[in-house]
mmCIF file of all heavy atoms, coordinates in Angstrom:
data_MODEL
# 
_entry.id   MODEL 
# 
loop_
_atom_site.group_PDB 
_atom_site.id 
_atom_site.type_symbol 
_atom_site.label_atom_id 
_atom_site.label_alt_id 
_atom_site.label_comp_id 
_atom_site.label_asym_id 
_atom_site.label_entity_id 
_atom_site.label_seq_id 
_atom_site.pdbx_PDB_ins_code 
_atom_site.Cartn_x 
_atom_site.Cartn_y 
_atom_site.Cartn_z 
_atom_site.occupancy 
_atom_site.B_iso_or_equiv 
_atom_site.pdbx_formal_charge 
_atom_site.auth_seq_id 
_atom_site.auth_comp_id 
_atom_site.auth_asym_id 
_atom_site.auth_atom_id 
_atom_site.pdbx_PDB_model_num 
ATOM 1   N N   . GLN A 1 1  ? 0.837  -1.197 0.000   1.00 0.00 ? 1  GLN A N   1 
ATOM 2   C CA  . GLN A 1 1  ? 0.000  0.000  0.000   1.00 0.00 ? 1  GLN A CA  1 
ATOM 3   C C   . GLN A 1 1  ? 0.877  1.255  0.000   1.00 0.00 ? 1  GLN A C   1 
ATOM 4   O O   . GLN A 1 1  ? 0.567  2.236  -0.669  1.00 0.00 ? 1  GLN A O   1 
ATOM 5   C CB  . GLN A 1 1  ? -0.940 0.008  1.207   1.00 0.00 ? 1  GLN A CB  1 
ATOM 6   C CG  . GLN A 1 1  ? -1.874 1.194  1.230   1.00 0.00 ? 1  GLN A CG  1 
ATOM 7   C CD  . GLN A 1 1  ? -2.747 1.222  2.470   1.00 0.00 ? 1  GLN A CD  1 
ATOM 8   O OE1 . GLN A 1 1  ? -2.438 0.595  3.478   1.00 0.00 ? 1  GLN A OE1 1 
ATOM 9   N NE2 . GLN A 1 1  ? -3.844 1.952  2.405   1.00 0.00 ? 1  GLN A NE2 1 
ATOM 10  N N   . LEU A 1 2  ? 1.984  1.226  0.724   1.00 0.00 ? 2  LEU A N   1 
ATOM 11  C CA  . LEU A 1 2  ? 2.900  2.360  0.747   1.00 0.00 ? 2  LEU A CA  1 
ATOM 12  C C   . LEU A 1 2  ? 3.518  2.585  -0.622  1.00 0.00 ? 2  LEU A C   1 
ATOM 13  O O   . LEU A 1 2  ? 3.674  3.718  -1.060  1.00 0.00 ? 2  LEU A O   1 
ATOM 14  C CB  . LEU A 1 2  ? 3.986  2.143  1.802   1.00 0.00 ? 2  LEU A CB  1 
ATOM 15  C CG  . LEU A 1 2  ? 4.938  3.309  2.048   1.00 0.00 ? 2  LEU A CG  1 
ATOM 16  C CD1 . LEU A 1 2  ? 4.179  4.550  2.499   1.00 0.00 ? 2  LEU A CD1 1 
ATOM 17  C CD2 . LEU A 1 2  ? 5.984  2.923  3.074   1.00 0.00 ? 2  LEU A CD2 1 
ATOM 18  N N   . LEU A 1 3  ? 3.845  1.516  -1.329  1.00 0.00 ? 3  LEU A N   1 
ATOM 19  C CA  . LEU A 1 3  ? 4.401  1.634  -2.676  1.00 0.00 ? 3  LEU A CA  1 
ATOM 20  C C   . LEU A 1 3  ? 3.374  2.262  -3.628  1.00 0.00 ? 3  LEU A C   1 
ATOM 21  O O   . LEU A 1 3  ? 3.714  3.149  -4.412  1.00 0.00 ? 3  LEU A O   1 
ATOM 22  C CB  . LEU A 1 3  ? 4.836  0.261  -3.183  1.00 0.00 ? 3  LEU A CB  1 
ATOM 23  C CG  . LEU A 1 3  ? 5.585  0.222  -4.502  1.00 0.00 ? 3  LEU A CG  1 
ATOM 24  C CD1 . LEU A 1 3  ? 6.837  1.076  -4.433  1.00 0.00 ? 3  LEU A CD1 1 
ATOM 25  C CD2 . LEU A 1 3  ? 5.940  -1.205 -4.853  1.00 0.00 ? 3  LEU A CD2 1 
ATOM 26  N N   . ARG A 1 4  ? 2.123  1.833  -3.534  1.00 0.00 ? 4  ARG A N   1 
ATOM 27  C CA  . ARG A 1 4  ? 1.064  2.430  -4.362  1.00 0.00 ? 4  ARG A CA  1 
ATOM 28  C C   . ARG A 1 4  ? 0.864  3.899  -3.983  1.00 0.00 ? 4  ARG A C   1 
ATOM 29  O O   . ARG A 1 4  ? 0.660  4.758  -4.850  1.00 0.00 ? 4  ARG A O   1 
ATOM 30  C CB  . ARG A 1 4  ? -0.241 1.651  -4.212  1.00 0.00 ? 4  ARG A CB  1 
ATOM 31  C CG  . ARG A 1 4  ? -0.203 0.283  -4.864  1.00 0.00 ? 4  ARG A CG  1 
ATOM 32  C CD  . ARG A 1 4  ? -1.566 -0.365 -4.955  1.00 0.00 ? 4  ARG A CD  1 
ATOM 33  N NE  . ARG A 1 4  ? -2.325 -0.378 -3.718  1.00 0.00 ? 4  ARG A NE  1 
ATOM 34  C CZ  . ARG A 1 4  ? -2.295 -1.357 -2.812  1.00 0.00 ? 4  ARG A CZ  1 
ATOM 35  N NH1 . ARG A 1 4  ? -1.544 -2.417 -3.010  1.00 0.00 ? 4  ARG A NH1 1 
ATOM 36  N NH2 . ARG A 1 4  ? -3.024 -1.271 -1.717  1.00 0.00 ? 4  ARG A NH2 1 
ATOM 37  N N   . ARG A 1 5  ? 0.940  4.200  -2.696  1.00 0.00 ? 5  ARG A N   1 
ATOM 38  C CA  . ARG A 1 5  ? 0.780  5.579  -2.227  1.00 0.00 ? 5  ARG A CA  1 
ATOM 39  C C   . ARG A 1 5  ? 1.916  6.459  -2.734  1.00 0.00 ? 5  ARG A C   1 
ATOM 40  O O   . ARG A 1 5  ? 1.711  7.590  -3.166  1.00 0.00 ? 5  ARG A O   1 
ATOM 41  C CB  . ARG A 1 5  ? 0.727  5.593  -0.703  1.00 0.00 ? 5  ARG A CB  1 
ATOM 42  C CG  . ARG A 1 5  ? 0.221  6.872  -0.129  1.00 0.00 ? 5  ARG A CG  1 
ATOM 43  C CD  . ARG A 1 5  ? -0.051 6.739  1.342   1.00 0.00 ? 5  ARG A CD  1 
ATOM 44  N NE  . ARG A 1 5  ? -0.791 7.899  1.790   1.00 0.00 ? 5  ARG A NE  1 
ATOM 45  C CZ  . ARG A 1 5  ? -0.931 8.229  3.048   1.00 0.00 ? 5  ARG A CZ  1 
ATOM 46  N NH1 . ARG A 1 5  ? -0.427 7.476  3.998   1.00 0.00 ? 5  ARG A NH1 1 
ATOM 47  N NH2 . ARG A 1 5  ? -1.612 9.309  3.377   1.00 0.00 ? 5  ARG A NH2 1 
ATOM 48  N N   . LYS A 1 6  ? 3.126  5.938  -2.688  1.00 0.00 ? 6  LYS A N   1 
ATOM 49  C CA  . LYS A 1 6  ? 4.290  6.667  -3.217  1.00 0.00 ? 6  LYS A CA  1 
ATOM 50  C C   . LYS A 1 6  ? 4.090  6.985  -4.686  1.00 0.00 ? 6  LYS A C   1 
ATOM 51  O O   . LYS A 1 6  ? 4.306  8.112  -5.135  1.00 0.00 ? 6  LYS A O   1 
ATOM 52  C CB  . LYS A 1 6  ? 5.563  5.860  -3.019  1.00 0.00 ? 6  LYS A CB  1 
ATOM 53  C CG  . LYS A 1 6  ? 6.804  6.527  -3.619  1.00 0.00 ? 6  LYS A CG  1 
ATOM 54  C CD  . LYS A 1 6  ? 7.933  5.559  -3.859  1.00 0.00 ? 6  LYS A CD  1 
ATOM 55  C CE  . LYS A 1 6  ? 7.778  4.722  -5.053  1.00 0.00 ? 6  LYS A CE  1 
ATOM 56  N NZ  . LYS A 1 6  ? 8.354  5.104  -6.306  1.00 0.00 ? 6  LYS A NZ  1 
ATOM 57  N N   . ASN A 1 7  ? 3.628  6.003  -5.459  1.00 0.00 ? 7  ASN A N   1 
ATOM 58  C CA  . ASN A 1 7  ? 3.408  6.211  -6.890  1.00 0.00 ? 7  ASN A CA  1 
ATOM 59  C C   . ASN A 1 7  ? 2.331  7.261  -7.142  1.00 0.00 ? 7  ASN A C   1 
ATOM 60  O O   . ASN A 1 7  ? 2.462  8.078  -8.048  1.00 0.00 ? 7  ASN A O   1 
ATOM 61  C CB  . ASN A 1 7  ? 3.055  4.893  -7.570  1.00 0.00 ? 7  ASN A CB  1 
ATOM 62  C CG  . ASN A 1 7  ? 4.232  3.938  -7.604  1.00 0.00 ? 7  ASN A CG  1 
ATOM 63  O OD1 . ASN A 1 7  ? 5.382  4.362  -7.590  1.00 0.00 ? 7  ASN A OD1 1 
ATOM 64  N ND2 . ASN A 1 7  ? 3.954  2.661  -7.614  1.00 0.00 ? 7  ASN A ND2 1 
ATOM 65  N N   . ASP A 1 8  ? 1.266  7.256  -6.345  1.00 0.00 ? 8  ASP A N   1 
ATOM 66  C CA  . ASP A 1 8  ? 0.219  8.269  -6.491  1.00 0.00 ? 8  ASP A CA  1 
ATOM 67  C C   . ASP A 1 8  ? 0.753  9.667  -6.185  1.00 0.00 ? 8  ASP A C   1 
ATOM 68  O O   . ASP A 1 8  ? 0.437  10.625 -6.888  1.00 0.00 ? 8  ASP A O   1 
ATOM 69  C CB  . ASP A 1 8  ? -0.973 7.957  -5.576  1.00 0.00 ? 8  ASP A CB  1 
ATOM 70  C CG  . ASP A 1 8  ? -1.989 7.040  -6.221  1.00 0.00 ? 8  ASP A CG  1 
ATOM 71  O OD1 . ASP A 1 8  ? -1.699 6.488  -7.308  1.00 0.00 ? 8  ASP A OD1 1 
ATOM 72  O OD2 . ASP A 1 8  ? -3.079 6.863  -5.642  1.00 0.00 ? 8  ASP A OD2 1 
ATOM 73  N N   . ILE A 1 9  ? 1.564  9.788  -5.145  1.00 0.00 ? 9  ILE A N   1 
ATOM 74  C CA  . ILE A 1 9  ? 2.134  11.094 -4.789  1.00 0.00 ? 9  ILE A CA  1 
ATOM 75  C C   . ILE A 1 9  ? 3.053  11.592 -5.896  1.00 0.00 ? 9  ILE A C   1 
ATOM 76  O O   . ILE A 1 9  ? 2.995  12.758 -6.298  1.00 0.00 ? 9  ILE A O   1 
ATOM 77  C CB  . ILE A 1 9  ? 2.883  11.020 -3.442  1.00 0.00 ? 9  ILE A CB  1 
ATOM 78  C CG1 . ILE A 1 9  ? 1.910  10.753 -2.307  1.00 0.00 ? 9  ILE A CG1 1 
ATOM 79  C CG2 . ILE A 1 9  ? 3.676  12.300 -3.179  1.00 0.00 ? 9  ILE A CG2 1 
ATOM 80  C CD1 . ILE A 1 9  ? 2.573  10.366 -0.999  1.00 0.00 ? 9  ILE A CD1 1 
ATOM 81  N N   . VAL A 1 10 ? 3.897  10.703 -6.415  1.00 0.00 ? 10 VAL A N   1 
ATOM 82  C CA  . VAL A 1 10 ? 4.810  11.076 -7.500  1.00 0.00 ? 10 VAL A CA  1 
ATOM 83  C C   . VAL A 1 10 ? 4.017  11.526 -8.721  1.00 0.00 ? 10 VAL A C   1 
ATOM 84  O O   . VAL A 1 10 ? 4.328  12.551 -9.341  1.00 0.00 ? 10 VAL A O   1 
ATOM 85  C CB  . VAL A 1 10 ? 5.751  9.898  -7.844  1.00 0.00 ? 10 VAL A CB  1 
ATOM 86  C CG1 . VAL A 1 10 ? 6.480  10.136 -9.156  1.00 0.00 ? 10 VAL A CG1 1 
ATOM 87  C CG2 . VAL A 1 10 ? 6.740  9.663  -6.713  1.00 0.00 ? 10 VAL A CG2 1 
ATOM 88  N N   . ASN A 1 11 ? 2.977  10.790 -9.080  1.00 0.00 ? 11 ASN A N   1 
ATOM 89  C CA  . ASN A 1 11 ? 2.177  11.146 -10.251 1.00 0.00 ? 11 ASN A CA  1 
ATOM 90  C C   . ASN A 1 11 ? 1.396  12.438 -10.044 1.00 0.00 ? 11 ASN A C   1 
ATOM 91  O O   . ASN A 1 11 ? 1.262  13.245 -10.965 1.00 0.00 ? 11 ASN A O   1 
ATOM 92  C CB  . ASN A 1 11 ? 1.236  9.998  -10.616 1.00 0.00 ? 11 ASN A CB  1 
ATOM 93  C CG  . ASN A 1 11 ? 1.995  8.805  -11.151 1.00 0.00 ? 11 ASN A CG  1 
ATOM 94  O OD1 . ASN A 1 11 ? 3.037  8.966  -11.790 1.00 0.00 ? 11 ASN A OD1 1 
ATOM 95  N ND2 . ASN A 1 11 ? 1.496  7.622  -10.884 1.00 0.00 ? 11 ASN A ND2 1 
ATOM 96  N N   . LEU A 1 12 ? 0.879  12.661 -8.835  1.00 0.00 ? 12 LEU A N   1 
ATOM 97  C CA  . LEU A 1 12 ? 0.186  13.906 -8.539  1.00 0.00 ? 12 LEU A CA  1 
ATOM 98  C C   . LEU A 1 12 ? 1.128  15.096 -8.691  1.00 0.00 ? 12 LEU A C   1 
ATOM 99  O O   . LEU A 1 12 ? 0.799  16.091 -9.335  1.00 0.00 ? 12 LEU A O   1 
ATOM 100 C CB  . LEU A 1 12 ? -0.403 13.868 -7.125  1.00 0.00 ? 12 LEU A CB  1 
ATOM 101 C CG  . LEU A 1 12 ? -1.054 15.150 -6.615  1.00 0.00 ? 12 LEU A CG  1 
ATOM 102 C CD1 . LEU A 1 12 ? -2.268 15.514 -7.460  1.00 0.00 ? 12 LEU A CD1 1 
ATOM 103 C CD2 . LEU A 1 12 ? -1.443 15.002 -5.152  1.00 0.00 ? 12 LEU A CD2 1 
ATOM 104 N N   . LEU A 1 13 ? 2.314  14.992 -8.119  1.00 0.00 ? 13 LEU A N   1 
ATOM 105 C CA  . LEU A 1 13 ? 3.276  16.087 -8.194  1.00 0.00 ? 13 LEU A CA  1 
ATOM 106 C C   . LEU A 1 13 ? 3.838  16.272 -9.601  1.00 0.00 ? 13 LEU A C   1 
ATOM 107 O O   . LEU A 1 13 ? 4.165  17.385 -10.005 1.00 0.00 ? 13 LEU A O   1 
ATOM 108 C CB  . LEU A 1 13 ? 4.395  15.880 -7.186  1.00 0.00 ? 13 LEU A CB  1 
ATOM 109 C CG  . LEU A 1 13 ? 3.968  16.132 -5.742  1.00 0.00 ? 13 LEU A CG  1 
ATOM 110 C CD1 . LEU A 1 13 ? 5.011  15.650 -4.769  1.00 0.00 ? 13 LEU A CD1 1 
ATOM 111 C CD2 . LEU A 1 13 ? 3.676  17.593 -5.516  1.00 0.00 ? 13 LEU A CD2 1 
ATOM 112 N N   . ARG A 1 14 ? 3.950  15.179 -10.335 1.00 0.00 ? 14 ARG A N   1 
ATOM 113 C CA  . ARG A 1 14 ? 4.428  15.270 -11.709 1.00 0.00 ? 14 ARG A CA  1 
ATOM 114 C C   . ARG A 1 14 ? 3.471  16.130 -12.547 1.00 0.00 ? 14 ARG A C   1 
ATOM 115 O O   . ARG A 1 14 ? 3.896  16.825 -13.461 1.00 0.00 ? 14 ARG A O   1 
ATOM 116 C CB  . ARG A 1 14 ? 4.556  13.876 -12.313 1.00 0.00 ? 14 ARG A CB  1 
ATOM 117 C CG  . ARG A 1 14 ? 5.321  13.868 -13.621 1.00 0.00 ? 14 ARG A CG  1 
ATOM 118 C CD  . ARG A 1 14 ? 5.637  12.465 -14.065 1.00 0.00 ? 14 ARG A CD  1 
ATOM 119 N NE  . ARG A 1 14 ? 6.716  11.942 -13.238 1.00 0.00 ? 14 ARG A NE  1 
ATOM 120 C CZ  . ARG A 1 14 ? 6.816  10.660 -12.877 1.00 0.00 ? 14 ARG A CZ  1 
ATOM 121 N NH1 . ARG A 1 14 ? 5.913  9.781  -13.250 1.00 0.00 ? 14 ARG A NH1 1 
ATOM 122 N NH2 . ARG A 1 14 ? 7.820  10.253 -12.133 1.00 0.00 ? 14 ARG A NH2 1 
ATOM 123 N N   . GLY A 1 15 ? 2.169  16.092 -12.225 1.00 0.00 ? 15 GLY A N   1 
ATOM 124 C CA  . GLY A 1 15 ? 1.185  16.927 -12.913 1.00 0.00 ? 15 GLY A CA  1 
ATOM 125 C C   . GLY A 1 15 ? 1.445  18.410 -12.719 1.00 0.00 ? 15 GLY A C   1 
ATOM 126 O O   . GLY A 1 15 ? 1.022  19.226 -13.531 1.00 0.00 ? 15 GLY A O   1 
ATOM 127 N N   . GLY A 1 16 ? 2.126  18.779 -11.670 1.00 0.00 ? 16 GLY A N   1 
ATOM 128 C CA  . GLY A 1 16 ? 2.496  20.176 -11.414 1.00 0.00 ? 16 GLY A CA  1 
ATOM 129 C C   . GLY A 1 16 ? 3.950  20.450 -11.714 1.00 0.00 ? 16 GLY A C   1 
ATOM 130 O O   . GLY A 1 16 ? 4.502  21.447 -11.257 1.00 0.00 ? 16 GLY A O   1 
ATOM 131 N N   . ALA A 1 17 ? 4.591  19.553 -12.457 1.00 0.00 ? 17 ALA A N   1 
ATOM 132 C CA  . ALA A 1 17 ? 6.010  19.668 -12.838 1.00 0.00 ? 17 ALA A CA  1 
ATOM 133 C C   . ALA A 1 17 ? 6.922  19.688 -11.612 1.00 0.00 ? 17 ALA A C   1 
ATOM 134 O O   . ALA A 1 17 ? 7.947  20.363 -11.600 1.00 0.00 ? 17 ALA A O   1 
ATOM 135 C CB  . ALA A 1 17 ? 6.241  20.881 -13.725 1.00 0.00 ? 17 ALA A CB  1 
ATOM 136 N N   . CYS A 1 18 ? 6.551  18.956 -10.570 1.00 0.00 ? 18 CYS A N   1 
ATOM 137 C CA  . CYS A 1 18 ? 7.378  18.855 -9.365  1.00 0.00 ? 18 CYS A CA  1 
ATOM 138 C C   . CYS A 1 18 ? 7.982  17.457 -9.307  1.00 0.00 ? 18 CYS A C   1 
ATOM 139 O O   . CYS A 1 18 ? 7.303  16.466 -9.564  1.00 0.00 ? 18 CYS A O   1 
ATOM 140 C CB  . CYS A 1 18 ? 6.545  19.088 -8.115  1.00 0.00 ? 18 CYS A CB  1 
ATOM 141 S SG  . CYS A 1 18 ? 5.824  20.724 -8.021  1.00 0.00 ? 18 CYS A SG  1 
ATOM 142 N N   . GLU A 1 19 ? 9.231  17.390 -8.955  1.00 0.00 ? 19 GLU A N   1 
ATOM 143 C CA  . GLU A 1 19 ? 9.936  16.119 -8.849  1.00 0.00 ? 19 GLU A CA  1 
ATOM 144 C C   . GLU A 1 19 ? 10.437 15.959 -7.423  1.00 0.00 ? 19 GLU A C   1 
ATOM 145 O O   . GLU A 1 19 ? 11.091 16.852 -6.895  1.00 0.00 ? 19 GLU A O   1 
ATOM 146 C CB  . GLU A 1 19 ? 11.109 16.103 -9.829  1.00 0.00 ? 19 GLU A CB  1 
ATOM 147 C CG  . GLU A 1 19 ? 11.757 14.766 -10.015 1.00 0.00 ? 19 GLU A CG  1 
ATOM 148 C CD  . GLU A 1 19 ? 10.921 13.794 -10.836 1.00 0.00 ? 19 GLU A CD  1 
ATOM 149 O OE1 . GLU A 1 19 ? 10.137 14.240 -11.692 1.00 0.00 ? 19 GLU A OE1 1 
ATOM 150 O OE2 . GLU A 1 19 ? 11.050 12.579 -10.613 1.00 0.00 ? 19 GLU A OE2 1 
ATOM 151 N N   . LEU A 1 20 ? 10.126 14.831 -6.808  1.00 0.00 ? 20 LEU A N   1 
ATOM 152 C CA  . LEU A 1 20 ? 10.583 14.573 -5.441  1.00 0.00 ? 20 LEU A CA  1 
ATOM 153 C C   . LEU A 1 20 ? 11.967 13.950 -5.460  1.00 0.00 ? 20 LEU A C   1 
ATOM 154 O O   . LEU A 1 20 ? 12.290 13.149 -6.330  1.00 0.00 ? 20 LEU A O   1 
ATOM 155 C CB  . LEU A 1 20 ? 9.613  13.641 -4.720  1.00 0.00 ? 20 LEU A CB  1 
ATOM 156 C CG  . LEU A 1 20 ? 8.236  14.217 -4.422  1.00 0.00 ? 20 LEU A CG  1 
ATOM 157 C CD1 . LEU A 1 20 ? 7.351  13.151 -3.801  1.00 0.00 ? 20 LEU A CD1 1 
ATOM 158 C CD2 . LEU A 1 20 ? 8.349  15.400 -3.482  1.00 0.00 ? 20 LEU A CD2 1 
ATOM 159 N N   . SER A 1 21 ? 12.768 14.307 -4.483  1.00 0.00 ? 21 SER A N   1 
ATOM 160 C CA  . SER A 1 21 ? 14.100 13.723 -4.329  1.00 0.00 ? 21 SER A CA  1 
ATOM 161 C C   . SER A 1 21 ? 14.388 13.563 -2.850  1.00 0.00 ? 21 SER A C   1 
ATOM 162 O O   . SER A 1 21 ? 13.582 13.929 -2.013  1.00 0.00 ? 21 SER A O   1 
ATOM 163 C CB  . SER A 1 21 ? 15.157 14.605 -5.001  1.00 0.00 ? 21 SER A CB  1 
ATOM 164 O OG  . SER A 1 21 ? 15.200 15.861 -4.390  1.00 0.00 ? 21 SER A OG  1 
ATOM 165 N N   . LYS A 1 22 ? 15.544 13.021 -2.538  1.00 0.00 ? 22 LYS A N   1 
ATOM 166 C CA  . LYS A 1 22 ? 15.980 12.783 -1.154  1.00 0.00 ? 22 LYS A CA  1 
ATOM 167 C C   . LYS A 1 22 ? 14.980 11.898 -0.406  1.00 0.00 ? 22 LYS A C   1 
ATOM 168 O O   . LYS A 1 22 ? 14.516 12.227 0.668   1.00 0.00 ? 22 LYS A O   1 
ATOM 169 C CB  . LYS A 1 22 ? 16.218 14.095 -0.411  1.00 0.00 ? 22 LYS A CB  1 
ATOM 170 C CG  . LYS A 1 22 ? 17.365 14.890 -0.971  1.00 0.00 ? 22 LYS A CG  1 
ATOM 171 C CD  . LYS A 1 22 ? 17.858 15.886 0.041   1.00 0.00 ? 22 LYS A CD  1 
ATOM 172 C CE  . LYS A 1 22 ? 17.357 17.254 -0.261  1.00 0.00 ? 22 LYS A CE  1 
ATOM 173 N NZ  . LYS A 1 22 ? 17.845 18.263 0.658   1.00 0.00 ? 22 LYS A NZ  1 
ATOM 174 N N   . TRP A 1 23 ? 14.637 10.784 -1.019  1.00 0.00 ? 23 TRP A N   1 
ATOM 175 C CA  . TRP A 1 23 ? 13.735 9.818  -0.404  1.00 0.00 ? 23 TRP A CA  1 
ATOM 176 C C   . TRP A 1 23 ? 14.480 8.987  0.624   1.00 0.00 ? 23 TRP A C   1 
ATOM 177 O O   . TRP A 1 23 ? 15.655 8.679  0.462   1.00 0.00 ? 23 TRP A O   1 
ATOM 178 C CB  . TRP A 1 23 ? 13.202 8.855  -1.458  1.00 0.00 ? 23 TRP A CB  1 
ATOM 179 C CG  . TRP A 1 23 ? 12.215 9.417  -2.419  1.00 0.00 ? 23 TRP A CG  1 
ATOM 180 C CD1 . TRP A 1 23 ? 12.488 10.131 -3.551  1.00 0.00 ? 23 TRP A CD1 1 
ATOM 181 C CD2 . TRP A 1 23 ? 10.798 9.288  -2.355  1.00 0.00 ? 23 TRP A CD2 1 
ATOM 182 N NE1 . TRP A 1 23 ? 11.322 10.451 -4.188  1.00 0.00 ? 23 TRP A NE1 1 
ATOM 183 C CE2 . TRP A 1 23 ? 10.268 9.939  -3.479  1.00 0.00 ? 23 TRP A CE2 1 
ATOM 184 C CE3 . TRP A 1 23 ? 9.934  8.674  -1.462  1.00 0.00 ? 23 TRP A CE3 1 
ATOM 185 C CZ2 . TRP A 1 23 ? 8.915  10.005 -3.737  1.00 0.00 ? 23 TRP A CZ2 1 
ATOM 186 C CZ3 . TRP A 1 23 ? 8.583  8.734  -1.723  1.00 0.00 ? 23 TRP A CZ3 1 
ATOM 187 C CH2 . TRP A 1 23 ? 8.079  9.390  -2.839  1.00 0.00 ? 23 TRP A CH2 1 
ATOM 188 N N   . THR A 1 24 ? 13.767 8.578  1.654   1.00 0.00 ? 24 THR A N   1 
ATOM 189 C CA  . THR A 1 24 ? 14.287 7.596  2.590   1.00 0.00 ? 24 THR A CA  1 
ATOM 190 C C   . THR A 1 24 ? 13.118 6.818  3.153   1.00 0.00 ? 24 THR A C   1 
ATOM 191 O O   . THR A 1 24 ? 11.986 7.269  3.129   1.00 0.00 ? 24 THR A O   1 
ATOM 192 C CB  . THR A 1 24 ? 15.132 8.231  3.713   1.00 0.00 ? 24 THR A CB  1 
ATOM 193 O OG1 . THR A 1 24 ? 15.801 7.190  4.417   1.00 0.00 ? 24 THR A OG1 1 
ATOM 194 C CG2 . THR A 1 24 ? 14.301 9.046  4.663   1.00 0.00 ? 24 THR A CG2 1 
ATOM 195 N N   . SER A 1 25 ? 13.399 5.623  3.617   1.00 0.00 ? 25 SER A N   1 
ATOM 196 C CA  . SER A 1 25 ? 12.350 4.763  4.151   1.00 0.00 ? 25 SER A CA  1 
ATOM 197 C C   . SER A 1 25 ? 12.987 3.706  5.028   1.00 0.00 ? 25 SER A C   1 
ATOM 198 O O   . SER A 1 25 ? 14.173 3.409  4.915   1.00 0.00 ? 25 SER A O   1 
ATOM 199 C CB  . SER A 1 25 ? 11.590 4.100  2.995   1.00 0.00 ? 25 SER A CB  1 
ATOM 200 O OG  . SER A 1 25 ? 10.609 3.216  3.494   1.00 0.00 ? 25 SER A OG  1 
ATOM 201 N N   . ASN A 1 26 ? 12.173 3.116  5.878   1.00 0.00 ? 26 ASN A N   1 
ATOM 202 C CA  . ASN A 1 26 ? 12.637 1.976  6.654   1.00 0.00 ? 26 ASN A CA  1 
ATOM 203 C C   . ASN A 1 26 ? 12.263 0.685  5.941   1.00 0.00 ? 26 ASN A C   1 
ATOM 204 O O   . ASN A 1 26 ? 12.461 -0.392 6.469   1.00 0.00 ? 26 ASN A O   1 
ATOM 205 C CB  . ASN A 1 26 ? 12.063 2.005  8.073   1.00 0.00 ? 26 ASN A CB  1 
ATOM 206 C CG  . ASN A 1 26 ? 10.554 1.961  8.075   1.00 0.00 ? 26 ASN A CG  1 
ATOM 207 O OD1 . ASN A 1 26 ? 9.909  2.109  7.051   1.00 0.00 ? 26 ASN A OD1 1 
ATOM 208 N ND2 . ASN A 1 26 ? 9.986  1.759  9.246   1.00 0.00 ? 26 ASN A ND2 1 
ATOM 209 N N   . SER A 1 27 ? 11.728 0.786  4.725   1.00 0.00 ? 27 SER A N   1 
ATOM 210 C CA  . SER A 1 27 ? 11.305 -0.361 3.931   1.00 0.00 ? 27 SER A CA  1 
ATOM 211 C C   . SER A 1 27 ? 12.257 -0.573 2.760   1.00 0.00 ? 27 SER A C   1 
ATOM 212 O O   . SER A 1 27 ? 12.439 0.318  1.923   1.00 0.00 ? 27 SER A O   1 
ATOM 213 C CB  . SER A 1 27 ? 9.886  -0.130 3.402   1.00 0.00 ? 27 SER A CB  1 
ATOM 214 O OG  . SER A 1 27 ? 9.590  -1.035 2.371   1.00 0.00 ? 27 SER A OG  1 
# 
């Protein structure tokens, strides 16, 4: 579910030409 959520966030932000970086996780 977290992986699907990450993909949704990335796609939502991509619609506004925003790119996320500096990711970290305990997974």
